[in-house]
Amino acid sequence: MVSLMDSDSFPDEFFLSPELLLSLRQLGMQSSLSWEVVLECARSIEAEGTQHNEECGRLAKGRGQELLVFLDMNKESYFPEMKKKR
């Protein structure tokens, strides 16, 4: 997820102990991505990719690949209709 979102979307290293992360979650820190946030990431990647800059294009391609991997790993959460029927 770090490669999909800005670094300011995550707690500072100081807050990464399990106890502090639990406290942050209890105070309302999100631990998953809503569909709206996934779309926001996709739009950000699209905007980055449309810049006429080779470096931005390379970064957008990598972030796009990460987003596809993330969606594939979480497809049942975001696309419940794709859930395998038993």
C-alpha atoms as a PDB file:
ATOM      1  CA  MET A   1       0.000   0.000   0.000  1.00  0.00           C
ATOM      2  CA  VAL A   2       2.902   2.335   0.618  1.00  0.00           C
ATOM      3  CA  SER A   3       3.709   2.443  -3.093  1.00  0.00           C
ATOM      4  CA  LEU A   4       0.086   3.307  -3.913  1.00  0.00           C
ATOM      5  CA  MET A   5      -0.372   6.222  -1.546  1.00  0.00           C
ATOM      6  CA  ASP A   6       1.582   9.257  -0.423  1.00  0.00           C
ATOM      7  CA  SER A   7       3.894   8.740   2.534  1.00  0.00           C
ATOM      8  CA  ASP A   8       1.867  11.267   4.542  1.00  0.00           C
ATOM      9  CA  SER A   9      -0.998   8.746   4.510  1.00  0.00           C
ATOM     10  CA  PHE A  10       0.904   6.576   6.991  1.00  0.00           C
ATOM     11  CA  PRO A  11       2.017   7.101  10.596  1.00  0.00           C
ATOM     12  CA  ASP A  12       5.513   8.359  11.301  1.00  0.00           C
ATOM     13  CA  GLU A  13       8.098   5.710  12.241  1.00  0.00           C
ATOM     14  CA  PHE A  14       7.752   6.781  15.887  1.00  0.00           C
ATOM     15  CA  PHE A  15       4.177   5.391  15.914  1.00  0.00           C
ATOM     16  CA  LEU A  16       4.937   1.986  14.371  1.00  0.00           C
ATOM     17  CA  SER A  17       5.102  -0.029  17.584  1.00  0.00           C
ATOM     18  CA  PRO A  18       2.192  -2.482  17.945  1.00  0.00           C
ATOM     19  CA  GLU A  19       0.888  -0.672  21.043  1.00  0.00           C
ATOM     20  CA  LEU A  20       0.825   2.736  19.376  1.00  0.00           C
ATOM     21  CA  LEU A  21      -0.699   1.349  16.169  1.00  0.00           C
ATOM     22  CA  LEU A  22      -3.477  -0.242  18.220  1.00  0.00           C
ATOM     23  CA  SER A  23      -4.117   3.089  19.914  1.00  0.00           C
ATOM     24  CA  LEU A  24      -4.216   4.867  16.556  1.00  0.00           C
ATOM     25  CA  ARG A  25      -6.703   2.314  15.200  1.00  0.00           C
ATOM     26  CA  GLN A  26      -8.892   2.773  18.268  1.00  0.00           C
ATOM     27  CA  LEU A  27      -8.786   6.524  17.634  1.00  0.00           C
ATOM     28  CA  GLY A  28     -10.009   6.025  14.061  1.00  0.00           C
ATOM     29  CA  MET A  29      -6.972   5.353  11.887  1.00  0.00           C
ATOM     30  CA  GLN A  30      -7.998   3.329   8.864  1.00  0.00           C
ATOM     31  CA  SER A  31      -6.378  -0.039   8.363  1.00  0.00           C
ATOM     32  CA  SER A  32      -7.947  -0.781   4.983  1.00  0.00           C
ATOM     33  CA  LEU A  33      -8.742   1.086   1.796  1.00  0.00           C
ATOM     34  CA  SER A  34     -12.272   2.052   0.852  1.00  0.00           C
ATOM     35  CA  TRP A  35     -13.310   1.811  -2.795  1.00  0.00           C
ATOM     36  CA  GLU A  36     -13.173   5.614  -2.966  1.00  0.00           C
ATOM     37  CA  VAL A  37      -9.525   5.603  -1.847  1.00  0.00           C
ATOM     38  CA  VAL A  38      -8.687   2.896  -4.410  1.00  0.00           C
ATOM     39  CA  LEU A  39     -10.259   5.073  -7.123  1.00  0.00           C
ATOM     40  CA  GLU A  40      -8.329   8.089  -5.827  1.00  0.00           C
ATOM     41  CA  CYS A  41      -5.094   6.076  -6.121  1.00  0.00           C
ATOM     42  CA  ALA A  42      -5.995   5.052  -9.678  1.00  0.00           C
ATOM     43  CA  ARG A  43      -6.727   8.657 -10.650  1.00  0.00           C
ATOM     44  CA  SER A  44      -3.435   9.769  -9.103  1.00  0.00           C
ATOM     45  CA  ILE A  45      -1.570   7.126 -11.094  1.00  0.00           C
ATOM     46  CA  GLU A  46      -3.384   8.205 -14.263  1.00  0.00           C
ATOM     47  CA  ALA A  47      -2.458  11.855 -13.673  1.00  0.00           C
ATOM     48  CA  GLU A  48       1.149  10.920 -13.017  1.00  0.00           C
ATOM     49  CA  GLY A  49       1.253   8.820 -16.187  1.00  0.00           C
ATOM     50  CA  THR A  50      -0.096  11.566 -18.436  1.00  0.00           C
ATOM     51  CA  GLN A  51       2.745  13.936 -17.575  1.00  0.00           C
ATOM     52  CA  HIS A  52       5.230  14.188 -20.426  1.00  0.00           C
ATOM     53  CA  ASN A  53       8.121  13.119 -18.240  1.00  0.00           C
ATOM     54  CA  GLU A  54       9.858   9.768 -18.615  1.00  0.00           C
ATOM     55  CA  GLU A  55      10.536   9.411 -14.871  1.00  0.00           C
ATOM     56  CA  CYS A  56       6.890  10.124 -13.983  1.00  0.00           C
ATOM     57  CA  GLY A  57       5.780   7.600 -16.577  1.00  0.00           C
ATOM     58  CA  ARG A  58       8.076   4.956 -15.115  1.00  0.00           C
ATOM     59  CA  LEU A  59       6.826   5.656 -11.589  1.00  0.00           C
ATOM     60  CA  ALA A  60       3.194   5.577 -12.747  1.00  0.00           C
ATOM     61  CA  LYS A  61       3.741   2.243 -14.449  1.00  0.00           C
ATOM     62  CA  GLY A  62       5.187   0.758 -11.248  1.00  0.00           C
ATOM     63  CA  ARG A  63       2.372   2.172  -9.118  1.00  0.00           C
ATOM     64  CA  GLY A  64      -0.181   0.884 -11.630  1.00  0.00           C
ATOM     65  CA  GLN A  65       1.302  -2.593 -11.398  1.00  0.00           C
ATOM     66  CA  GLU A  66       1.189  -2.410  -7.599  1.00  0.00           C
ATOM     67  CA  LEU A  67      -2.467  -1.338  -7.736  1.00  0.00           C
ATOM     68  CA  LEU A  68      -3.335  -4.294  -9.974  1.00  0.00           C
ATOM     69  CA  VAL A  69      -1.534  -6.698  -7.606  1.00  0.00           C
ATOM     70  CA  PHE A  70      -3.365  -5.134  -4.645  1.00  0.00           C
ATOM     71  CA  LEU A  71      -6.744  -5.454  -6.379  1.00  0.00           C
ATOM     72  CA  ASP A  72      -6.001  -9.043  -7.396  1.00  0.00           C
ATOM     73  CA  MET A  73      -5.085  -9.942  -3.810  1.00  0.00           C
ATOM     74  CA  ASN A  74      -8.253  -8.258  -2.501  1.00  0.00           C
ATOM     75  CA  LYS A  75     -10.670  -9.002  -5.336  1.00  0.00           C
ATOM     76  CA  GLU A  76     -13.235 -10.703  -3.111  1.00  0.00           C
ATOM     77  CA  SER A  77     -13.449  -7.577  -0.937  1.00  0.00           C
ATOM     78  CA  TYR A  78     -13.812  -5.131  -3.807  1.00  0.00           C
ATOM     79  CA  PHE A  79     -15.567  -7.408  -6.305  1.00  0.00           C
ATOM     80  CA  PRO A  80     -17.758  -9.803  -4.272  1.00  0.00           C
ATOM     81  CA  GLU A  81     -19.554 -10.927  -7.425  1.00  0.00           C
ATOM     82  CA  MET A  82     -16.293 -12.614  -8.471  1.00  0.00           C
ATOM     83  CA  LYS A  83     -16.305 -14.811  -5.370  1.00  0.00           C
ATOM     84  CA  LYS A  84     -16.060 -18.462  -6.270  1.00  0.00           C
ATOM     85  CA  LYS A  85     -19.255 -20.357  -5.596  1.00  0.00           C
ATOM     86  CA  ARG A  86     -18.895 -23.718  -3.937  1.00  0.00           C
END
